[in-house]
Amino acid sequence: MLHTCCATCSGFLASALTEDFAVSLYYSNSNIFPAAEYQRRLNEAKKYFLANGFAFIEDKYNHDSWLDFVRGLENEPERGSRCLKCYDYRLRQTARHAQTFGFDYFGTTLSISPHKDAIAINNLGLALAKDKKVKFLAGDWKKQDGFMKAVAFSHSHNFYRQNYCGCEFA
């Protein structure tokens, strides 16, 4: 189960991972605001993945729950403790779903972005893996030109490319 934030970040990676895994996409992004932006990213990802034979699972959008989870961190700078909390929220949802539905692994596309802290993401994923008894597929997906390949893939598929992570505080 691969957590996806958008088609732009996940199209290339999900396709590459099919060489070694049966990939199911998990869209869990209650951090995205406003709801129209959430829906736009969801529709873009869903359209691509379903058309290309991937299983696609949408988590319930609950922005109020996410706001409660990051409360007190609204004024933190980008890449600060609010972002770490946001990674935790989404990875926690993904790990829980992977455990509930019997997936062998879970992972996330978040570390493909040069704006995201791959070490923190992987540490959170590995800790959740121990807790949920599901393996975490760690990676710094931006390495070895991963980010540039994702951008090229995104352009070749004419994906909607957003200009912010989705958080209203960013």
Protein backbone atom coordinates (compact mmCIF):
# COMPACT_ATOMS: atom_id res chain seq x y z
CA MET A 1 0.00 0.00 0.00
CA LEU A 2 1.54 3.25 -1.17
CA HIS A 3 0.33 6.51 0.33
CA THR A 4 -0.05 9.12 -2.38
CA CYS A 5 -0.41 12.85 -1.99
CA CYS A 6 -1.05 13.53 -5.69
CA ALA A 7 -0.56 12.10 -9.17
CA THR A 8 2.41 14.39 -9.75
CA CYS A 9 4.44 12.86 -6.92
CA SER A 10 3.24 9.29 -7.22
CA GLY A 11 2.71 8.43 -10.90
CA PHE A 12 6.35 7.71 -11.66
CA LEU A 13 7.13 6.03 -8.34
CA ALA A 14 4.08 3.75 -8.33
CA SER A 15 4.82 2.67 -11.88
CA ALA A 16 8.48 1.97 -11.01
CA LEU A 17 7.53 -0.04 -7.91
CA THR A 18 5.35 -2.40 -9.96
CA GLU A 19 8.57 -4.16 -11.00
CA ASP A 20 8.80 -5.60 -7.47
CA PHE A 21 5.37 -5.10 -5.87
CA ALA A 22 1.64 -5.26 -6.52
CA VAL A 23 0.97 -1.59 -5.76
CA SER A 24 -2.26 -0.25 -4.30
CA LEU A 25 -2.56 3.50 -3.87
CA TYR A 26 -3.91 5.05 -0.68
CA TYR A 27 -5.07 8.65 -0.87
CA SER A 28 -5.06 10.00 2.70
CA ASN A 29 -4.65 13.76 2.71
CA SER A 30 -6.87 15.49 5.24
CA ASN A 31 -4.19 18.19 5.41
CA ILE A 32 -5.19 19.61 2.03
CA PHE A 33 -7.18 22.83 2.12
CA PRO A 34 -9.53 23.98 0.75
CA ALA A 35 -11.75 20.99 0.03
CA ALA A 36 -11.85 21.95 -3.66
CA GLU A 37 -8.07 21.55 -3.86
CA TYR A 38 -8.34 18.17 -2.10
CA GLN A 39 -10.94 17.09 -4.65
CA ARG A 40 -8.90 18.32 -7.60
CA ARG A 41 -5.83 16.33 -6.50
CA LEU A 42 -7.96 13.29 -5.70
CA ASN A 43 -9.66 13.32 -9.10
CA GLU A 44 -6.35 13.64 -10.95
CA ALA A 45 -4.75 10.75 -9.05
CA LYS A 46 -7.81 8.53 -9.20
CA LYS A 47 -8.25 9.06 -12.93
CA TYR A 48 -4.66 8.10 -13.71
CA PHE A 49 -4.35 5.13 -11.36
CA LEU A 50 -7.69 3.51 -12.14
CA ALA A 51 -7.09 3.91 -15.89
CA ASN A 52 -3.74 2.14 -15.46
CA GLY A 53 -4.99 -0.85 -13.48
CA PHE A 54 -3.96 0.17 -9.96
CA ALA A 55 -6.14 -0.39 -6.93
CA PHE A 56 -7.04 3.02 -5.52
CA ILE A 57 -8.36 3.55 -2.00
CA GLU A 58 -9.55 6.90 -0.69
CA ASP A 59 -9.40 7.62 3.02
CA LYS A 60 -12.14 9.79 4.48
CA TYR A 61 -11.37 13.50 4.20
CA ASN A 62 -11.43 14.91 7.73
CA HIS A 63 -9.72 18.29 7.76
CA ASP A 64 -11.03 19.10 11.25
CA SER A 65 -9.32 15.99 12.66
CA TRP A 66 -6.06 17.01 10.97
CA LEU A 67 -6.37 20.55 12.35
CA ASP A 68 -6.82 19.12 15.86
CA PHE A 69 -3.72 16.93 15.34
CA VAL A 70 -1.50 19.90 14.40
CA ARG A 71 -3.12 22.42 16.76
CA GLY A 72 -0.58 24.79 18.30
CA LEU A 73 1.82 24.41 15.36
CA GLU A 74 0.03 26.73 12.93
CA ASN A 75 2.85 29.32 12.98
CA GLU A 76 5.69 26.86 12.56
CA PRO A 77 7.86 27.41 9.48
CA GLU A 78 7.65 25.13 6.46
CA ARG A 79 9.64 21.91 7.15
CA GLY A 80 9.22 22.49 10.88
CA SER A 81 7.41 20.53 13.57
CA ARG A 82 3.98 21.04 11.95
CA CYS A 83 5.21 19.20 8.86
CA LEU A 84 6.56 16.35 11.00
CA LYS A 85 3.16 16.10 12.68
CA CYS A 86 1.46 16.11 9.28
CA TYR A 87 3.68 13.27 8.04
CA ASP A 88 2.82 11.39 11.22
CA TYR A 89 -0.91 11.88 10.72
CA ARG A 90 -0.92 10.58 7.16
CA LEU A 91 1.52 7.72 7.76
CA ARG A 92 -0.49 6.66 10.81
CA GLN A 93 -3.64 6.47 8.66
CA THR A 94 -1.78 4.50 6.00
CA ALA A 95 -0.20 2.04 8.47
CA ARG A 96 -3.57 1.46 10.16
CA HIS A 97 -5.25 0.74 6.85
CA ALA A 98 -2.41 -1.53 5.71
CA GLN A 99 -2.64 -3.51 8.94
CA THR A 100 -6.45 -3.74 8.86
CA PHE A 101 -6.54 -5.00 5.28
CA GLY A 102 -3.56 -7.35 5.42
CA PHE A 103 -0.99 -5.55 3.28
CA ASP A 104 2.58 -6.80 3.64
CA TYR A 105 4.10 -3.34 3.22
CA PHE A 106 3.15 0.30 3.35
CA GLY A 107 5.08 3.27 2.08
CA THR A 108 4.64 6.85 0.98
CA THR A 109 5.52 9.03 -1.98
CA LEU A 110 6.15 12.03 0.29
CA SER A 111 9.94 11.70 0.20
CA ILE A 112 10.07 12.22 -3.58
CA SER A 113 9.69 15.95 -2.95
CA PRO A 114 12.85 17.97 -2.30
CA HIS A 115 10.74 19.96 0.20
CA LYS A 116 10.10 16.93 2.43
CA ASP A 117 12.39 15.44 5.09
CA ALA A 118 13.01 11.86 3.95
CA ILE A 119 14.87 10.90 7.14
CA ALA A 120 11.98 12.01 9.34
CA ILE A 121 9.43 10.34 7.05
CA ASN A 122 11.34 7.05 7.06
CA ASN A 123 11.87 7.12 10.83
CA LEU A 124 8.15 7.67 11.39
CA GLY A 125 7.28 4.89 8.95
CA LEU A 126 9.69 2.45 10.57
CA ALA A 127 8.32 3.21 14.05
CA LEU A 128 4.75 2.71 12.84
CA ALA A 129 5.78 -0.53 11.13
CA LYS A 130 6.91 -1.95 14.48
CA ASP A 131 3.71 -0.84 16.16
CA LYS A 132 1.36 -2.09 13.42
CA LYS A 133 3.36 -5.22 12.50
CA VAL A 134 3.45 -4.21 8.82
CA LYS A 135 6.73 -3.64 6.97
CA PHE A 136 7.56 -0.11 5.86
CA LEU A 137 9.13 0.47 2.46
CA ALA A 138 11.61 3.21 3.31
CA GLY A 139 13.18 5.32 0.63
CA ASP A 140 14.41 8.74 -0.28
CA TRP A 141 12.67 8.64 -3.63
CA LYS A 142 14.10 11.97 -4.81
CA LYS A 143 17.58 10.38 -4.98
CA GLN A 144 19.02 9.07 -8.27
CA ASP A 145 17.05 11.74 -10.14
CA GLY A 146 13.76 10.40 -8.76
CA PHE A 147 12.29 13.87 -8.40
CA MET A 148 13.31 14.87 -11.93
CA LYS A 149 11.90 11.60 -13.31
CA ALA A 150 8.65 12.25 -11.44
CA VAL A 151 8.45 15.76 -12.91
CA ALA A 152 9.10 14.45 -16.43
CA PHE A 153 6.48 11.70 -15.92
CA SER A 154 4.03 14.31 -14.65
CA HIS A 155 4.60 16.53 -17.68
CA SER A 156 4.28 13.62 -20.10
CA HIS A 157 0.88 12.75 -18.58
CA ASN A 158 -0.20 16.38 -18.33
CA PHE A 159 -0.97 16.06 -14.60
CA TYR A 160 -2.26 19.01 -12.64
CA ARG A 161 0.78 20.39 -10.80
CA GLN A 162 -0.03 22.23 -7.60
CA ASN A 163 2.23 24.95 -6.19
CA TYR A 164 1.95 24.15 -2.48
CA CYS A 165 1.85 21.06 -0.26
CA GLY A 166 -1.84 21.55 0.48
CA CYS A 167 -1.63 22.91 4.00
CA GLU A 168 -3.25 26.32 4.53
CA PHE A 169 -0.40 27.25 6.87
CA ALA A 170 2.36 26.64 4.31
